[in-house]
Amino acid sequence: MQEEIKKKCDEIRDLLLEKNISYGNSVFDKGLLFEVDPMYAIQARINDKLNRIKSKETYMSENDLMDVTGYFILLQVLRANMNDRVSKAINSGEVIENPFNDSSSSMPDDWTIYGPDEEGTPI
C-alpha cells in the first residue's frame, strides 16, 4: 500500500508541476480582469471542484480527485508562503502591505505589519 500512496503522490506532484509550467504562477496572482486574492481564488476553485464531485450522478473521475487534491496542496503552499513572509517581516521590522505576493495589494491600505517593538494593528 505504501508504494501505491507514493505513486499517487508523485502523480499529483507531476500534475501540479506540469500545470505550473503551462500556466506559470497564475494561481498565486490576482486575476487580470478581476482582482481576486489568491487565497480566495484557490478556495473558490476547491469549492467548485467539490460541488462538481457532489453533483455528479455517476462517479467521481480521477481527474476531479486529482484536481481537488492539487488545489488543497496549492492552498497549503500559499499559506506557508504567507506565514513565512509575515514571520520574516515581524522579525525584521519590515512593513509589508500584502503577504500574498509582492506585486499586488489585496489587504486594506490601513493594514500594516509592525515589528515586535512597534505599536500598531497587527494582522
PDB file of N, CA and C in Angstrom:
ATOM      1  N   MET A   1       0.816  -1.196   0.000  1.00  0.00           N
ATOM      2  CA  MET A   1       0.000   0.000   0.000  1.00  0.00           C
ATOM      3  C   MET A   1       0.865   1.267   0.000  1.00  0.00           C
ATOM      4  N   GLN A   2       1.999   1.245   0.709  1.00  0.00           N
ATOM      5  CA  GLN A   2       2.845   2.433   0.766  1.00  0.00           C
ATOM      6  C   GLN A   2       3.359   2.826  -0.617  1.00  0.00           C
ATOM      7  N   GLU A   3       3.680   1.858  -1.434  1.00  0.00           N
ATOM      8  CA  GLU A   3       4.151   2.166  -2.788  1.00  0.00           C
ATOM      9  C   GLU A   3       3.046   2.812  -3.618  1.00  0.00           C
ATOM     10  N   GLU A   4       1.823   2.356  -3.430  1.00  0.00           N
ATOM     11  CA  GLU A   4       0.691   2.943  -4.143  1.00  0.00           C
ATOM     12  C   GLU A   4       0.460   4.387  -3.702  1.00  0.00           C
ATOM     13  N   ILE A   5       0.618   4.655  -2.408  1.00  0.00           N
ATOM     14  CA  ILE A   5       0.488   6.023  -1.900  1.00  0.00           C
ATOM     15  C   ILE A   5       1.571   6.909  -2.496  1.00  0.00           C
ATOM     16  N   LYS A   6       2.802   6.423  -2.500  1.00  0.00           N
ATOM     17  CA  LYS A   6       3.906   7.188  -3.090  1.00  0.00           C
ATOM     18  C   LYS A   6       3.654   7.474  -4.564  1.00  0.00           C
ATOM     19  N   LYS A   7       3.175   6.463  -5.287  1.00  0.00           N
ATOM     20  CA  LYS A   7       2.912   6.627  -6.721  1.00  0.00           C
ATOM     21  C   LYS A   7       1.840   7.698  -6.950  1.00  0.00           C
ATOM     22  N   LYS A   8       0.764   7.666  -6.164  1.00  0.00           N
ATOM     23  CA  LYS A   8      -0.313   8.643  -6.332  1.00  0.00           C
ATOM     24  C   LYS A   8       0.186  10.050  -5.987  1.00  0.00           C
ATOM     25  N   CYS A   9       0.980  10.174  -4.922  1.00  0.00           N
ATOM     26  CA  CYS A   9       1.542  11.481  -4.569  1.00  0.00           C
ATOM     27  C   CYS A   9       2.451  12.003  -5.683  1.00  0.00           C
ATOM     28  N   ASP A  10       3.231  11.115  -6.279  1.00  0.00           N
ATOM     29  CA  ASP A  10       4.091  11.502  -7.396  1.00  0.00           C
ATOM     30  C   ASP A  10       3.260  11.979  -8.588  1.00  0.00           C
ATOM     31  N   GLU A  11       2.152  11.307  -8.862  1.00  0.00           N
ATOM     32  CA  GLU A  11       1.280  11.711  -9.964  1.00  0.00           C
ATOM     33  C   GLU A  11       0.709  13.106  -9.729  1.00  0.00           C
ATOM     34  N   ILE A  12       0.279  13.363  -8.520  1.00  0.00           N
ATOM     35  CA  ILE A  12      -0.287  14.675  -8.198  1.00  0.00           C
ATOM     36  C   ILE A  12       0.803  15.744  -8.287  1.00  0.00           C
ATOM     37  N   ARG A  13       1.993  15.441  -7.764  1.00  0.00           N
ATOM     38  CA  ARG A  13       3.112  16.374  -7.864  1.00  0.00           C
ATOM     39  C   ARG A  13       3.419  16.689  -9.324  1.00  0.00           C
ATOM     40  N   ASP A  14       3.490  15.642 -10.150  1.00  0.00           N
ATOM     41  CA  ASP A  14       3.798  15.844 -11.565  1.00  0.00           C
ATOM     42  C   ASP A  14       2.725  16.670 -12.259  1.00  0.00           C
ATOM     43  N   LEU A  15       1.460  16.437 -11.912  1.00  0.00           N
ATOM     44  CA  LEU A  15       0.366  17.217 -12.483  1.00  0.00           C
ATOM     45  C   LEU A  15       0.492  18.686 -12.103  1.00  0.00           C
ATOM     46  N   LEU A  16       0.761  18.967 -10.826  1.00  0.00           N
ATOM     47  CA  LEU A  16       0.911  20.354 -10.381  1.00  0.00           C
ATOM     48  C   LEU A  16       2.088  21.039 -11.060  1.00  0.00           C
ATOM     49  N   LEU A  17       3.199  20.344 -11.185  1.00  0.00           N
ATOM     50  CA  LEU A  17       4.367  20.931 -11.838  1.00  0.00           C
ATOM     51  C   LEU A  17       4.108  21.167 -13.323  1.00  0.00           C
ATOM     52  N   GLU A  18       3.422  20.237 -13.972  1.00  0.00           N
ATOM     53  CA  GLU A  18       3.081  20.396 -15.389  1.00  0.00           C
ATOM     54  C   GLU A  18       2.166  21.602 -15.589  1.00  0.00           C
ATOM     55  N   LYS A  19       1.160  21.739 -14.712  1.00  0.00           N
ATOM     56  CA  LYS A  19       0.253  22.884 -14.824  1.00  0.00           C
ATOM     57  C   LYS A  19       0.980  24.185 -14.521  1.00  0.00           C
ATOM     58  N   ASN A  20       1.944  24.142 -13.593  1.00  0.00           N
ATOM     59  CA  ASN A  20       2.708  25.341 -13.282  1.00  0.00           C
ATOM     60  C   ASN A  20       3.551  25.776 -14.462  1.00  0.00           C
ATOM     61  N   ILE A  21       4.065  24.802 -15.209  1.00  0.00           N
ATOM     62  CA  ILE A  21       4.821  25.135 -16.423  1.00  0.00           C
ATOM     63  C   ILE A  21       3.885  25.773 -17.444  1.00  0.00           C
ATOM     64  N   SER A  22       2.686  25.215 -17.595  1.00  0.00           N
ATOM     65  CA  SER A  22       1.734  25.727 -18.583  1.00  0.00           C
ATOM     66  C   SER A  22       1.160  27.080 -18.211  1.00  0.00           C
ATOM     67  N   TYR A  23       0.789  27.240 -16.948  1.00  0.00           N
ATOM     68  CA  TYR A  23       0.079  28.450 -16.519  1.00  0.00           C
ATOM     69  C   TYR A  23       0.951  29.416 -15.736  1.00  0.00           C
ATOM     70  N   GLY A  24       2.170  29.033 -15.424  1.00  0.00           N
ATOM     71  CA  GLY A  24       3.008  29.868 -14.577  1.00  0.00           C
ATOM     72  C   GLY A  24       2.444  29.870 -13.162  1.00  0.00           C
ATOM     73  N   ASN A  25       2.701  30.924 -12.439  1.00  0.00           N
ATOM     74  CA  ASN A  25       2.206  31.030 -11.071  1.00  0.00           C
ATOM     75  C   ASN A  25       0.867  31.744 -11.004  1.00  0.00           C
ATOM     76  N   SER A  26       0.081  31.621 -12.052  1.00  0.00           N
ATOM     77  CA  SER A  26      -1.162  32.380 -12.134  1.00  0.00           C
ATOM     78  C   SER A  26      -2.112  32.115 -10.975  1.00  0.00           C
ATOM     79  N   VAL A  27      -2.081  30.923 -10.408  1.00  0.00           N
ATOM     80  CA  VAL A  27      -2.976  30.624  -9.293  1.00  0.00           C
ATOM     81  C   VAL A  27      -2.609  31.455  -8.059  1.00  0.00           C
ATOM     82  N   PHE A  28      -1.368  31.936  -7.992  1.00  0.00           N
ATOM     83  CA  PHE A  28      -0.924  32.724  -6.855  1.00  0.00           C
ATOM     84  C   PHE A  28      -0.991  34.230  -7.120  1.00  0.00           C
ATOM     85  N   ASP A  29      -1.442  34.627  -8.288  1.00  0.00           N
ATOM     86  CA  ASP A  29      -1.542  36.038  -8.645  1.00  0.00           C
ATOM     87  C   ASP A  29      -2.998  36.461  -8.708  1.00  0.00           C
ATOM     88  N   LYS A  30      -3.199  37.765  -8.573  1.00  0.00           N
ATOM     89  CA  LYS A  30      -4.550  38.276  -8.784  1.00  0.00           C
ATOM     90  C   LYS A  30      -4.875  38.158 -10.262  1.00  0.00           C
ATOM     91  N   GLY A  31      -6.151  38.074 -10.574  1.00  0.00           N
ATOM     92  CA  GLY A  31      -6.552  37.977 -11.968  1.00  0.00           C
ATOM     93  C   GLY A  31      -6.331  39.281 -12.714  1.00  0.00           C
ATOM     94  N   LEU A  32      -6.255  39.189 -14.018  1.00  0.00           N
ATOM     95  CA  LEU A  32      -6.088  40.383 -14.840  1.00  0.00           C
ATOM     96  C   LEU A  32      -7.373  41.194 -14.920  1.00  0.00           C
ATOM     97  N   LEU A  33      -8.488  40.518 -15.044  1.00  0.00           N
ATOM     98  CA  LEU A  33      -9.766  41.200 -15.187  1.00  0.00           C
ATOM     99  C   LEU A  33     -10.408  41.500 -13.837  1.00  0.00           C
ATOM    100  N   PHE A  34     -10.401  40.517 -12.959  1.00  0.00           N
ATOM    101  CA  PHE A  34     -10.979  40.677 -11.636  1.00  0.00           C
ATOM    102  C   PHE A  34      -9.873  40.507 -10.608  1.00  0.00           C
ATOM    103  N   GLU A  35      -9.737  41.483  -9.719  1.00  0.00           N
ATOM    104  CA  GLU A  35      -8.697  41.402  -8.705  1.00  0.00           C
ATOM    105  C   GLU A  35      -9.196  40.556  -7.540  1.00  0.00           C
ATOM    106  N   VAL A  36      -8.843  39.277  -7.570  1.00  0.00           N
ATOM    107  CA  VAL A  36      -9.258  38.342  -6.538  1.00  0.00           C
ATOM    108  C   VAL A  36      -8.006  37.860  -5.814  1.00  0.00           C
ATOM    109  N   ASP A  37      -8.034  37.930  -4.492  1.00  0.00           N
ATOM    110  CA  ASP A  37      -6.897  37.447  -3.718  1.00  0.00           C
ATOM    111  C   ASP A  37      -6.663  35.969  -4.019  1.00  0.00           C
ATOM    112  N   PRO A  38      -5.420  35.571  -4.137  1.00  0.00           N
ATOM    113  CA  PRO A  38      -5.112  34.172  -4.430  1.00  0.00           C
ATOM    114  C   PRO A  38      -5.742  33.191  -3.436  1.00  0.00           C
ATOM    115  N   MET A  39      -5.762  33.537  -2.156  1.00  0.00           N
ATOM    116  CA  MET A  39      -6.346  32.647  -1.151  1.00  0.00           C
ATOM    117  C   MET A  39      -7.808  32.362  -1.496  1.00  0.00           C
ATOM    118  N   TYR A  40      -8.548  33.415  -1.819  1.00  0.00           N
ATOM    119  CA  TYR A  40      -9.964  33.248  -2.148  1.00  0.00           C
ATOM    120  C   TYR A  40     -10.157  32.547  -3.491  1.00  0.00           C
ATOM    121  N   ALA A  41      -9.268  32.819  -4.429  1.00  0.00           N
ATOM    122  CA  ALA A  41      -9.377  32.178  -5.744  1.00  0.00           C
ATOM    123  C   ALA A  41      -9.176  30.664  -5.624  1.00  0.00           C
ATOM    124  N   ILE A  42      -8.186  30.263  -4.856  1.00  0.00           N
ATOM    125  CA  ILE A  42      -7.943  28.832  -4.678  1.00  0.00           C
ATOM    126  C   ILE A  42      -9.104  28.195  -3.932  1.00  0.00           C
ATOM    127  N   GLN A  43      -9.593  28.868  -2.890  1.00  0.00           N
ATOM    128  CA  GLN A  43     -10.730  28.331  -2.142  1.00  0.00           C
ATOM    129  C   GLN A  43     -11.956  28.192  -3.038  1.00  0.00           C
ATOM    130  N   ALA A  44     -12.167  29.156  -3.934  1.00  0.00           N
ATOM    131  CA  ALA A  44     -13.303  29.082  -4.864  1.00  0.00           C
ATOM    132  C   ALA A  44     -13.141  27.902  -5.817  1.00  0.00           C
ATOM    133  N   ARG A  45     -11.925  27.669  -6.276  1.00  0.00           N
ATOM    134  CA  ARG A  45     -11.684  26.522  -7.173  1.00  0.00           C
ATOM    135  C   ARG A  45     -11.921  25.205  -6.451  1.00  0.00           C
ATOM    136  N   ILE A  46     -11.500  25.134  -5.186  1.00  0.00           N
ATOM    137  CA  ILE A  46     -11.765  23.926  -4.390  1.00  0.00           C
ATOM    138  C   ILE A  46     -13.265  23.730  -4.247  1.00  0.00           C
ATOM    139  N   ASN A  47     -13.959  24.817  -3.937  1.00  0.00           N
ATOM    140  CA  ASN A  47     -15.411  24.744  -3.784  1.00  0.00           C
ATOM    141  C   ASN A  47     -16.082  24.280  -5.075  1.00  0.00           C
ATOM    142  N   ASP A  48     -15.642  24.818  -6.208  1.00  0.00           N
ATOM    143  CA  ASP A  48     -16.210  24.408  -7.494  1.00  0.00           C
ATOM    144  C   ASP A  48     -15.981  22.921  -7.754  1.00  0.00           C
ATOM    145  N   LYS A  49     -14.755  22.463  -7.477  1.00  0.00           N
ATOM    146  CA  LYS A  49     -14.440  21.043  -7.698  1.00  0.00           C
ATOM    147  C   LYS A  49     -15.287  20.151  -6.799  1.00  0.00           C
ATOM    148  N   LEU A  50     -15.421  20.534  -5.517  1.00  0.00           N
ATOM    149  CA  LEU A  50     -16.217  19.726  -4.596  1.00  0.00           C
ATOM    150  C   LEU A  50     -17.691  19.722  -4.998  1.00  0.00           C
ATOM    151  N   ASN A  51     -18.193  20.864  -5.466  1.00  0.00           N
ATOM    152  CA  ASN A  51     -19.576  20.912  -5.954  1.00  0.00           C
ATOM    153  C   ASN A  51     -19.756  20.018  -7.173  1.00  0.00           C
ATOM    154  N   ARG A  52     -18.772  20.002  -8.053  1.00  0.00           N
ATOM    155  CA  ARG A  52     -18.845  19.142  -9.238  1.00  0.00           C
ATOM    156  C   ARG A  52     -18.875  17.675  -8.821  1.00  0.00           C
ATOM    157  N   ILE A  53     -17.999  17.321  -7.876  1.00  0.00           N
ATOM    158  CA  ILE A  53     -17.973  15.936  -7.388  1.00  0.00           C
ATOM    159  C   ILE A  53     -19.307  15.582  -6.741  1.00  0.00           C
ATOM    160  N   LYS A  54     -19.843  16.483  -5.939  1.00  0.00           N
ATOM    161  CA  LYS A  54     -21.102  16.239  -5.236  1.00  0.00           C
ATOM    162  C   LYS A  54     -22.275  16.081  -6.204  1.00  0.00           C
ATOM    163  N   SER A  55     -22.283  16.871  -7.251  1.00  0.00           N
ATOM    164  CA  SER A  55     -23.436  16.883  -8.150  1.00  0.00           C
ATOM    165  C   SER A  55     -23.392  15.816  -9.238  1.00  0.00           C
ATOM    166  N   LYS A  56     -22.272  15.132  -9.384  1.00  0.00           N
ATOM    167  CA  LYS A  56     -22.186  14.096 -10.424  1.00  0.00           C
ATOM    168  C   LYS A  56     -23.116  12.949 -10.089  1.00  0.00           C
ATOM    169  N   GLU A  57     -23.849  12.525 -11.076  1.00  0.00           N
ATOM    170  CA  GLU A  57     -24.798  11.431 -10.852  1.00  0.00           C
ATOM    171  C   GLU A  57     -24.134  10.074 -11.023  1.00  0.00           C
ATOM    172  N   THR A  58     -23.004  10.046 -11.672  1.00  0.00           N
ATOM    173  CA  THR A  58     -22.376   8.754 -11.930  1.00  0.00           C
ATOM    174  C   THR A  58     -21.294   8.465 -10.891  1.00  0.00           C
ATOM    175  N   TYR A  59     -20.088   8.936 -11.123  1.00  0.00           N
ATOM    176  CA  TYR A  59     -18.982   8.672 -10.213  1.00  0.00           C
ATOM    177  C   TYR A  59     -17.970   9.793 -10.317  1.00  0.00           C
ATOM    178  N   MET A  60     -17.119   9.858  -9.326  1.00  0.00           N
ATOM    179  CA  MET A  60     -16.043  10.843  -9.351  1.00  0.00           C
ATOM    180  C   MET A  60     -14.969  10.370 -10.323  1.00  0.00           C
ATOM    181  N   SER A  61     -14.531  11.256 -11.165  1.00  0.00           N
ATOM    182  CA  SER A  61     -13.459  10.873 -12.078  1.00  0.00           C
ATOM    183  C   SER A  61     -12.107  11.051 -11.382  1.00  0.00           C
ATOM    184  N   GLU A  62     -11.125  10.378 -11.885  1.00  0.00           N
ATOM    185  CA  GLU A  62      -9.772  10.504 -11.357  1.00  0.00           C
ATOM    186  C   GLU A  62      -9.294  11.946 -11.485  1.00  0.00           C
ATOM    187  N   ASN A  63      -9.669  12.606 -12.583  1.00  0.00           N
ATOM    188  CA  ASN A  63      -9.271  13.984 -12.805  1.00  0.00           C
ATOM    189  C   ASN A  63      -9.845  14.906 -11.731  1.00  0.00           C
ATOM    190  N   ASP A  64     -11.113  14.707 -11.369  1.00  0.00           N
ATOM    191  CA  ASP A  64     -11.732  15.526 -10.318  1.00  0.00           C
ATOM    192  C   ASP A  64     -10.983  15.385  -9.003  1.00  0.00           C
ATOM    193  N   LEU A  65     -10.672  14.160  -8.637  1.00  0.00           N
ATOM    194  CA  LEU A  65      -9.985  13.913  -7.371  1.00  0.00           C
ATOM    195  C   LEU A  65      -8.576  14.490  -7.375  1.00  0.00           C
ATOM    196  N   MET A  66      -7.871  14.332  -8.487  1.00  0.00           N
ATOM    197  CA  MET A  66      -6.513  14.866  -8.561  1.00  0.00           C
ATOM    198  C   MET A  66      -6.533  16.384  -8.534  1.00  0.00           C
ATOM    199  N   ASP A  67      -7.488  17.000  -9.237  1.00  0.00           N
ATOM    200  CA  ASP A  67      -7.578  18.457  -9.246  1.00  0.00           C
ATOM    201  C   ASP A  67      -7.851  19.014  -7.856  1.00  0.00           C
ATOM    202  N   VAL A  68      -8.825  18.443  -7.150  1.00  0.00           N
ATOM    203  CA  VAL A  68      -9.155  18.973  -5.828  1.00  0.00           C
ATOM    204  C   VAL A  68      -7.996  18.745  -4.859  1.00  0.00           C
ATOM    205  N   THR A  69      -7.329  17.624  -4.964  1.00  0.00           N
ATOM    206  CA  THR A  69      -6.156  17.370  -4.121  1.00  0.00           C
ATOM    207  C   THR A  69      -5.055  18.372  -4.442  1.00  0.00           C
ATOM    208  N   GLY A  70      -4.854  18.637  -5.715  1.00  0.00           N
ATOM    209  CA  GLY A  70      -3.856  19.612  -6.135  1.00  0.00           C
ATOM    210  C   GLY A  70      -4.150  21.002  -5.605  1.00  0.00           C
ATOM    211  N   TYR A  71      -5.412  21.409  -5.644  1.00  0.00           N
ATOM    212  CA  TYR A  71      -5.763  22.733  -5.119  1.00  0.00           C
ATOM    213  C   TYR A  71      -5.553  22.813  -3.610  1.00  0.00           C
ATOM    214  N   PHE A  72      -5.809  21.724  -2.893  1.00  0.00           N
ATOM    215  CA  PHE A  72      -5.518  21.730  -1.459  1.00  0.00           C
ATOM    216  C   PHE A  72      -4.022  21.888  -1.207  1.00  0.00           C
ATOM    217  N   ILE A  73      -3.202  21.268  -2.039  1.00  0.00           N
ATOM    218  CA  ILE A  73      -1.749  21.413  -1.908  1.00  0.00           C
ATOM    219  C   ILE A  73      -1.348  22.850  -2.215  1.00  0.00           C
ATOM    220  N   LEU A  74      -1.906  23.435  -3.267  1.00  0.00           N
ATOM    221  CA  LEU A  74      -1.591  24.823  -3.605  1.00  0.00           C
ATOM    222  C   LEU A  74      -2.002  25.767  -2.481  1.00  0.00           C
ATOM    223  N   LEU A  75      -3.116  25.487  -1.836  1.00  0.00           N
ATOM    224  CA  LEU A  75      -3.556  26.296  -0.706  1.00  0.00           C
ATOM    225  C   LEU A  75      -2.543  26.204   0.432  1.00  0.00           C
ATOM    226  N   GLN A  76      -2.021  25.016   0.677  1.00  0.00           N
ATOM    227  CA  GLN A  76      -1.000  24.854   1.715  1.00  0.00           C
ATOM    228  C   GLN A  76       0.283  25.601   1.355  1.00  0.00           C
ATOM    229  N   VAL A  77       0.672  25.558   0.087  1.00  0.00           N
ATOM    230  CA  VAL A  77       1.866  26.268  -0.364  1.00  0.00           C
ATOM    231  C   VAL A  77       1.674  27.769  -0.179  1.00  0.00           C
ATOM    232  N   LEU A  78       0.518  28.283  -0.559  1.00  0.00           N
ATOM    233  CA  LEU A  78       0.239  29.707  -0.423  1.00  0.00           C
ATOM    234  C   LEU A  78       0.263  30.119   1.045  1.00  0.00           C
ATOM    235  N   ARG A  79      -0.393  29.357   1.898  1.00  0.00           N
ATOM    236  CA  ARG A  79      -0.424  29.686   3.329  1.00  0.00           C
ATOM    237  C   ARG A  79       0.976  29.653   3.934  1.00  0.00           C
ATOM    238  N   ALA A  80       1.777  28.664   3.570  1.00  0.00           N
ATOM    239  CA  ALA A  80       3.142  28.578   4.086  1.00  0.00           C
ATOM    240  C   ALA A  80       3.958  29.784   3.629  1.00  0.00           C
ATOM    241  N   ASN A  81       3.792  30.184   2.372  1.00  0.00           N
ATOM    242  CA  ASN A  81       4.492  31.355   1.845  1.00  0.00           C
ATOM    243  C   ASN A  81       4.076  32.616   2.588  1.00  0.00           C
ATOM    244  N   MET A  82       2.774  32.762   2.821  1.00  0.00           N
ATOM    245  CA  MET A  82       2.275  33.929   3.553  1.00  0.00           C
ATOM    246  C   MET A  82       2.833  33.944   4.974  1.00  0.00           C
ATOM    247  N   ASN A  83       2.798  32.795   5.648  1.00  0.00           N
ATOM    248  CA  ASN A  83       3.308  32.717   7.012  1.00  0.00           C
ATOM    249  C   ASN A  83       4.791  33.059   7.075  1.00  0.00           C
ATOM    250  N   ASP A  84       5.576  32.579   6.109  1.00  0.00           N
ATOM    251  CA  ASP A  84       7.000  32.893   6.063  1.00  0.00           C
ATOM    252  C   ASP A  84       7.227  34.385   5.887  1.00  0.00           C
ATOM    253  N   ARG A  85       6.486  34.996   4.970  1.00  0.00           N
ATOM    254  CA  ARG A  85       6.652  36.433   4.719  1.00  0.00           C
ATOM    255  C   ARG A  85       6.269  37.252   5.930  1.00  0.00           C
ATOM    256  N   VAL A  86       5.185  36.876   6.592  1.00  0.00           N
ATOM    257  CA  VAL A  86       4.755  37.608   7.778  1.00  0.00           C
ATOM    258  C   VAL A  86       5.782  37.441   8.905  1.00  0.00           C
ATOM    259  N   SER A  87       6.254  36.219   9.128  1.00  0.00           N
ATOM    260  CA  SER A  87       7.242  35.977  10.182  1.00  0.00           C
ATOM    261  C   SER A  87       8.521  36.765   9.935  1.00  0.00           C
ATOM    262  N   LYS A  88       8.996  36.750   8.698  1.00  0.00           N
ATOM    263  CA  LYS A  88      10.213  37.492   8.369  1.00  0.00           C
ATOM    264  C   LYS A  88      10.000  38.986   8.578  1.00  0.00           C
ATOM    265  N   ALA A  89       8.836  39.487   8.189  1.00  0.00           N
ATOM    266  CA  ALA A  89       8.547  40.908   8.355  1.00  0.00           C
ATOM    267  C   ALA A  89       8.494  41.284   9.831  1.00  0.00           C
ATOM    268  N   ILE A  90       7.862  40.457  10.633  1.00  0.00           N
ATOM    269  CA  ILE A  90       7.765  40.739  12.064  1.00  0.00           C
ATOM    270  C   ILE A  90       9.151  40.729  12.699  1.00  0.00           C
ATOM    271  N   ASN A  91       9.955  39.735  12.354  1.00  0.00           N
ATOM    272  CA  ASN A  91      11.295  39.625  12.941  1.00  0.00           C
ATOM    273  C   ASN A  91      12.232  40.730  12.489  1.00  0.00           C
ATOM    274  N   SER A  92      12.048  41.234  11.284  1.00  0.00           N
ATOM    275  CA  SER A  92      12.947  42.265  10.767  1.00  0.00           C
ATOM    276  C   SER A  92      12.411  43.669  10.963  1.00  0.00           C
ATOM    277  N   GLY A  93      11.143  43.784  11.347  1.00  0.00           N
ATOM    278  CA  GLY A  93      10.542  45.099  11.472  1.00  0.00           C
ATOM    279  C   GLY A  93      10.101  45.671  10.138  1.00  0.00           C
ATOM    280  N   GLU A  94      10.203  44.870   9.082  1.00  0.00           N
ATOM    281  CA  GLU A  94       9.797  45.304   7.743  1.00  0.00           C
ATOM    282  C   GLU A  94       8.282  45.503   7.709  1.00  0.00           C
ATOM    283  N   VAL A  95       7.861  46.479   6.963  1.00  0.00           N
ATOM    284  CA  VAL A  95       6.437  46.699   6.768  1.00  0.00           C
ATOM    285  C   VAL A  95       6.078  46.143   5.399  1.00  0.00           C
ATOM    286  N   ILE A  96       5.131  45.200   5.371  1.00  0.00           N
ATOM    287  CA  ILE A  96       4.677  44.675   4.090  1.00  0.00           C
ATOM    288  C   ILE A  96       3.194  44.960   3.972  1.00  0.00           C
ATOM    289  N   GLU A  97       2.783  45.257   2.774  1.00  0.00           N
ATOM    290  CA  GLU A  97       1.382  45.575   2.549  1.00  0.00           C
ATOM    291  C   GLU A  97       0.564  44.333   2.276  1.00  0.00           C
ATOM    292  N   ASN A  98       1.179  43.296   1.723  1.00  0.00           N
ATOM    293  CA  ASN A  98       0.409  42.142   1.294  1.00  0.00           C
ATOM    294  C   ASN A  98       1.218  40.866   1.418  1.00  0.00           C
ATOM    295  N   PRO A  99       0.816  39.964   2.311  1.00  0.00           N
ATOM    296  CA  PRO A  99       1.566  38.723   2.423  1.00  0.00           C
ATOM    297  C   PRO A  99       1.301  37.742   1.295  1.00  0.00           C
ATOM    298  N   PHE A 100       0.320  38.036   0.412  1.00  0.00           N
ATOM    299  CA  PHE A 100       0.015  37.117  -0.678  1.00  0.00           C
ATOM    300  C   PHE A 100       1.137  37.094  -1.698  1.00  0.00           C
ATOM    301  N   ASN A 101       1.556  38.249  -2.151  1.00  0.00           N
ATOM    302  CA  ASN A 101       2.685  38.324  -3.080  1.00  0.00           C
ATOM    303  C   ASN A 101       3.212  39.743  -3.099  1.00  0.00           C
ATOM    304  N   ASP A 102       4.314  39.952  -3.783  1.00  0.00           N
ATOM    305  CA  ASP A 102       4.954  41.258  -3.767  1.00  0.00           C
ATOM    306  C   ASP A 102       4.359  42.239  -4.758  1.00  0.00           C
ATOM    307  N   SER A 103       3.572  41.774  -5.714  1.00  0.00           N
ATOM    308  CA  SER A 103       3.160  42.646  -6.805  1.00  0.00           C
ATOM    309  C   SER A 103       1.749  43.193  -6.680  1.00  0.00           C
ATOM    310  N   SER A 104       1.002  42.764  -5.668  1.00  0.00           N
ATOM    311  CA  SER A 104      -0.362  43.254  -5.556  1.00  0.00           C
ATOM    312  C   SER A 104      -0.649  43.642  -4.127  1.00  0.00           C
ATOM    313  N   SER A 105      -1.698  44.402  -3.947  1.00  0.00           N
ATOM    314  CA  SER A 105      -2.068  44.826  -2.604  1.00  0.00           C
ATOM    315  C   SER A 105      -3.511  44.463  -2.357  1.00  0.00           C
ATOM    316  N   SER A 106      -3.725  43.289  -1.751  1.00  0.00           N
ATOM    317  CA  SER A 106      -5.083  42.821  -1.564  1.00  0.00           C
ATOM    318  C   SER A 106      -5.636  43.154  -0.197  1.00  0.00           C
ATOM    319  N   MET A 107      -4.788  43.575   0.722  1.00  0.00           N
ATOM    320  CA  MET A 107      -5.279  43.933   2.039  1.00  0.00           C
ATOM    321  C   MET A 107      -5.615  45.415   2.043  1.00  0.00           C
ATOM    322  N   PRO A 108      -6.498  45.830   2.924  1.00  0.00           N
ATOM    323  CA  PRO A 108      -6.810  47.255   3.005  1.00  0.00           C
ATOM    324  C   PRO A 108      -5.552  48.078   3.252  1.00  0.00           C
ATOM    325  N   ASP A 109      -5.537  49.301   2.731  1.00  0.00           N
ATOM    326  CA  ASP A 109      -4.355  50.155   2.841  1.00  0.00           C
ATOM    327  C   ASP A 109      -3.957  50.420   4.286  1.00  0.00           C
ATOM    328  N   ASP A 110      -4.903  50.404   5.205  1.00  0.00           N
ATOM    329  CA  ASP A 110      -4.568  50.736   6.582  1.00  0.00           C
ATOM    330  C   ASP A 110      -4.076  49.543   7.389  1.00  0.00           C
ATOM    331  N   TRP A 111      -3.939  48.363   6.759  1.00  0.00           N
ATOM    332  CA  TRP A 111      -3.395  47.203   7.462  1.00  0.00           C
ATOM    333  C   TRP A 111      -1.895  47.212   7.286  1.00  0.00           C
ATOM    334  N   THR A 112      -1.180  47.113   8.362  1.00  0.00           N
ATOM    335  CA  THR A 112       0.272  47.122   8.320  1.00  0.00           C
ATOM    336  C   THR A 112       0.791  46.084   9.284  1.00  0.00           C
ATOM    337  N   ILE A 113       1.887  45.490   8.952  1.00  0.00           N
ATOM    338  CA  ILE A 113       2.550  44.559   9.856  1.00  0.00           C
ATOM    339  C   ILE A 113       3.663  45.321  10.538  1.00  0.00           C
ATOM    340  N   TYR A 114       3.667  45.308  11.849  1.00  0.00           N
ATOM    341  CA  TYR A 114       4.663  46.036  12.621  1.00  0.00           C
ATOM    342  C   TYR A 114       5.672  45.073  13.206  1.00  0.00           C
ATOM    343  N   GLY A 115       6.859  45.586  13.436  1.00  0.00           N
ATOM    344  CA  GLY A 115       7.906  44.807  14.082  1.00  0.00           C
ATOM    345  C   GLY A 115       7.552  44.542  15.535  1.00  0.00           C
ATOM    346  N   PRO A 116       8.326  43.688  16.215  1.00  0.00           N
ATOM    347  CA  PRO A 116       7.980  43.269  17.563  1.00  0.00           C
ATOM    348  C   PRO A 116       8.002  44.403  18.597  1.00  0.00           C
ATOM    349  N   ASP A 117       8.738  45.476  18.354  1.00  0.00           N
ATOM    350  CA  ASP A 117       8.828  46.566  19.326  1.00  0.00           C
ATOM    351  C   ASP A 117       7.950  47.760  18.978  1.00  0.00           C
ATOM    352  N   GLU A 118       7.201  47.663  17.914  1.00  0.00           N
ATOM    353  CA  GLU A 118       6.382  48.782  17.464  1.00  0.00           C
ATOM    354  C   GLU A 118       4.929  48.566  17.840  1.00  0.00           C
ATOM    355  N   GLU A 119       4.224  49.664  17.988  1.00  0.00           N
ATOM    356  CA  GLU A 119       2.803  49.577  18.239  1.00  0.00           C
ATOM    357  C   GLU A 119       2.070  49.713  16.927  1.00  0.00           C
ATOM    358  N   GLY A 120       0.911  49.158  16.881  1.00  0.00           N
ATOM    359  CA  GLY A 120       0.111  49.265  15.674  1.00  0.00           C
ATOM    360  C   GLY A 120      -0.944  48.188  15.650  1.00  0.00           C
ATOM    361  N   THR A 121      -1.501  47.985  14.492  1.00  0.00           N
ATOM    362  CA  THR A 121      -2.533  46.992  14.323  1.00  0.00           C
ATOM    363  C   THR A 121      -1.929  45.753  13.690  1.00  0.00           C
ATOM    364  N   PRO A 122      -1.624  44.735  14.484  1.00  0.00           N
ATOM    365  CA  PRO A 122      -1.057  43.532  13.873  1.00  0.00           C
ATOM    366  C   PRO A 122      -2.120  42.759  13.143  1.00  0.00           C
ATOM    367  N   ILE A 123      -1.690  41.975  12.176  1.00  0.00           N
ATOM    368  CA  ILE A 123      -2.655  41.117  11.495  1.00  0.00           C
ATOM    369  C   ILE A 123      -2.439  39.698  11.915  1.00  0.00           C
TER     370      ILE A 123
END
